[in-house]
Amino acid sequence: MDNSSGALSKQAFLEKFLSINTSSKKIKYSLKSNIISCYDYGIITF
C-alpha cells in the first residue's frame, strides 16, 4: 500500500516537475540569450 501510494505521488511529482521544467526551459532559454547578448556587448564584467 505504501509503495503504490509512493509511486503515485512520485508520478504526480514528475508530471508537475516536467510541466514546470518545460515552461522554465523557455524562460531559461530567453534569459540565456539575453545574457549572451549582454556578454557580447561587454555589459557583463567579471
N, C-alpha and C. Protein backbone atom coordinates (compact mmCIF):
# COMPACT_ATOMS: atom_id res chain seq x y z
N MET A 1 0.85 -1.20 0.00
CA MET A 1 0.00 0.00 0.00
C MET A 1 0.88 1.26 0.00
N ASP A 2 1.85 1.28 0.89
CA ASP A 2 2.72 2.46 0.96
C ASP A 2 3.51 2.63 -0.34
N ASN A 3 3.94 1.48 -0.90
CA ASN A 3 4.75 1.55 -2.10
C ASN A 3 3.95 2.11 -3.27
N SER A 4 2.68 1.68 -3.42
CA SER A 4 1.86 2.14 -4.54
C SER A 4 1.54 3.63 -4.39
N SER A 5 1.26 4.07 -3.18
CA SER A 5 0.95 5.49 -2.98
C SER A 5 2.20 6.32 -3.21
N GLY A 6 3.37 5.77 -2.83
CA GLY A 6 4.62 6.49 -3.06
C GLY A 6 4.88 6.63 -4.55
N ALA A 7 4.58 5.56 -5.32
CA ALA A 7 4.79 5.61 -6.76
C ALA A 7 3.83 6.62 -7.39
N LEU A 8 2.59 6.66 -6.88
CA LEU A 8 1.61 7.60 -7.42
C LEU A 8 2.06 9.03 -7.16
N SER A 9 2.51 9.30 -5.94
CA SER A 9 2.93 10.66 -5.63
C SER A 9 4.19 11.02 -6.42
N LYS A 10 5.05 10.01 -6.64
CA LYS A 10 6.26 10.27 -7.41
C LYS A 10 5.90 10.59 -8.86
N GLN A 11 4.91 9.87 -9.40
CA GLN A 11 4.49 10.13 -10.78
C GLN A 11 3.85 11.52 -10.88
N ALA A 12 3.03 11.86 -9.89
CA ALA A 12 2.41 13.18 -9.90
C ALA A 12 3.47 14.26 -9.79
N PHE A 13 4.47 14.01 -8.95
CA PHE A 13 5.57 14.96 -8.81
C PHE A 13 6.32 15.11 -10.12
N LEU A 14 6.57 13.97 -10.79
CA LEU A 14 7.29 14.02 -12.06
C LEU A 14 6.50 14.80 -13.10
N GLU A 15 5.19 14.57 -13.15
CA GLU A 15 4.36 15.30 -14.13
C GLU A 15 4.39 16.79 -13.83
N LYS A 16 4.27 17.14 -12.55
CA LYS A 16 4.31 18.56 -12.19
C LYS A 16 5.68 19.14 -12.49
N PHE A 17 6.74 18.38 -12.17
CA PHE A 17 8.10 18.84 -12.41
C PHE A 17 8.35 19.04 -13.90
N LEU A 18 7.85 18.10 -14.72
CA LEU A 18 8.06 18.19 -16.16
C LEU A 18 7.32 19.39 -16.73
N SER A 19 6.10 19.64 -16.27
CA SER A 19 5.35 20.78 -16.78
C SER A 19 6.02 22.08 -16.37
N ILE A 20 6.55 22.12 -15.14
CA ILE A 20 7.28 23.32 -14.70
C ILE A 20 8.58 23.43 -15.48
N ASN A 21 9.22 22.28 -15.72
CA ASN A 21 10.52 22.28 -16.38
C ASN A 21 10.41 22.80 -17.80
N THR A 22 9.35 22.41 -18.53
CA THR A 22 9.21 22.86 -19.91
C THR A 22 8.98 24.36 -19.95
N SER A 23 8.20 24.89 -19.01
CA SER A 23 7.96 26.34 -19.00
C SER A 23 9.21 27.08 -18.56
N SER A 24 9.96 26.51 -17.60
CA SER A 24 11.17 27.18 -17.13
C SER A 24 12.27 27.08 -18.17
N LYS A 25 12.23 26.04 -19.01
CA LYS A 25 13.23 25.94 -20.07
C LYS A 25 13.09 27.10 -21.03
N LYS A 26 11.85 27.47 -21.37
CA LYS A 26 11.64 28.61 -22.25
C LYS A 26 12.15 29.88 -21.60
N ILE A 27 11.89 30.03 -20.30
CA ILE A 27 12.37 31.22 -19.59
C ILE A 27 13.89 31.21 -19.53
N LYS A 28 14.46 30.03 -19.23
CA LYS A 28 15.92 29.93 -19.16
C LYS A 28 16.54 30.23 -20.51
N TYR A 29 15.91 29.76 -21.59
CA TYR A 29 16.47 29.98 -22.92
C TYR A 29 16.48 31.47 -23.25
N SER A 30 15.38 32.16 -22.94
CA SER A 30 15.34 33.59 -23.22
C SER A 30 16.32 34.33 -22.33
N LEU A 31 16.44 33.90 -21.06
CA LEU A 31 17.41 34.52 -20.17
C LEU A 31 18.83 34.29 -20.66
N LYS A 32 19.10 33.06 -21.11
CA LYS A 32 20.45 32.74 -21.58
C LYS A 32 20.78 33.55 -22.81
N SER A 33 19.85 33.71 -23.73
CA SER A 33 20.11 34.50 -24.93
C SER A 33 20.32 35.97 -24.57
N ASN A 34 19.55 36.46 -23.57
CA ASN A 34 19.75 37.84 -23.12
C ASN A 34 21.12 38.01 -22.49
N ILE A 35 21.52 37.04 -21.66
CA ILE A 35 22.83 37.12 -21.00
C ILE A 35 23.94 37.04 -22.03
N ILE A 36 23.79 36.17 -23.02
CA ILE A 36 24.81 36.04 -24.06
C ILE A 36 24.92 37.33 -24.86
N SER A 37 23.79 37.95 -25.18
CA SER A 37 23.84 39.20 -25.94
C SER A 37 24.47 40.29 -25.09
N CYS A 38 24.16 40.32 -23.79
CA CYS A 38 24.78 41.30 -22.90
C CYS A 38 26.27 41.06 -22.82
N TYR A 39 26.66 39.80 -22.74
CA TYR A 39 28.08 39.46 -22.66
C TYR A 39 28.79 39.86 -23.94
N ASP A 40 28.13 39.67 -25.08
CA ASP A 40 28.72 40.05 -26.36
C ASP A 40 28.95 41.56 -26.41
N TYR A 41 28.06 42.32 -25.81
CA TYR A 41 28.21 43.77 -25.82
C TYR A 41 29.11 44.26 -24.70
N GLY A 42 29.58 43.34 -23.86
CA GLY A 42 30.51 43.73 -22.81
C GLY A 42 29.84 44.40 -21.63
N ILE A 43 28.52 44.19 -21.49
CA ILE A 43 27.82 44.80 -20.35
C ILE A 43 28.17 44.05 -19.07
N ILE A 44 28.25 42.72 -19.18
CA ILE A 44 28.59 41.91 -18.01
C ILE A 44 30.11 41.85 -17.88
N THR A 45 30.63 42.28 -16.73
CA THR A 45 32.07 42.20 -16.50
C THR A 45 32.33 41.37 -15.26
N PHE A 46 33.28 40.47 -15.36
CA PHE A 46 33.58 39.60 -14.23
C PHE A 46 34.81 40.10 -13.48
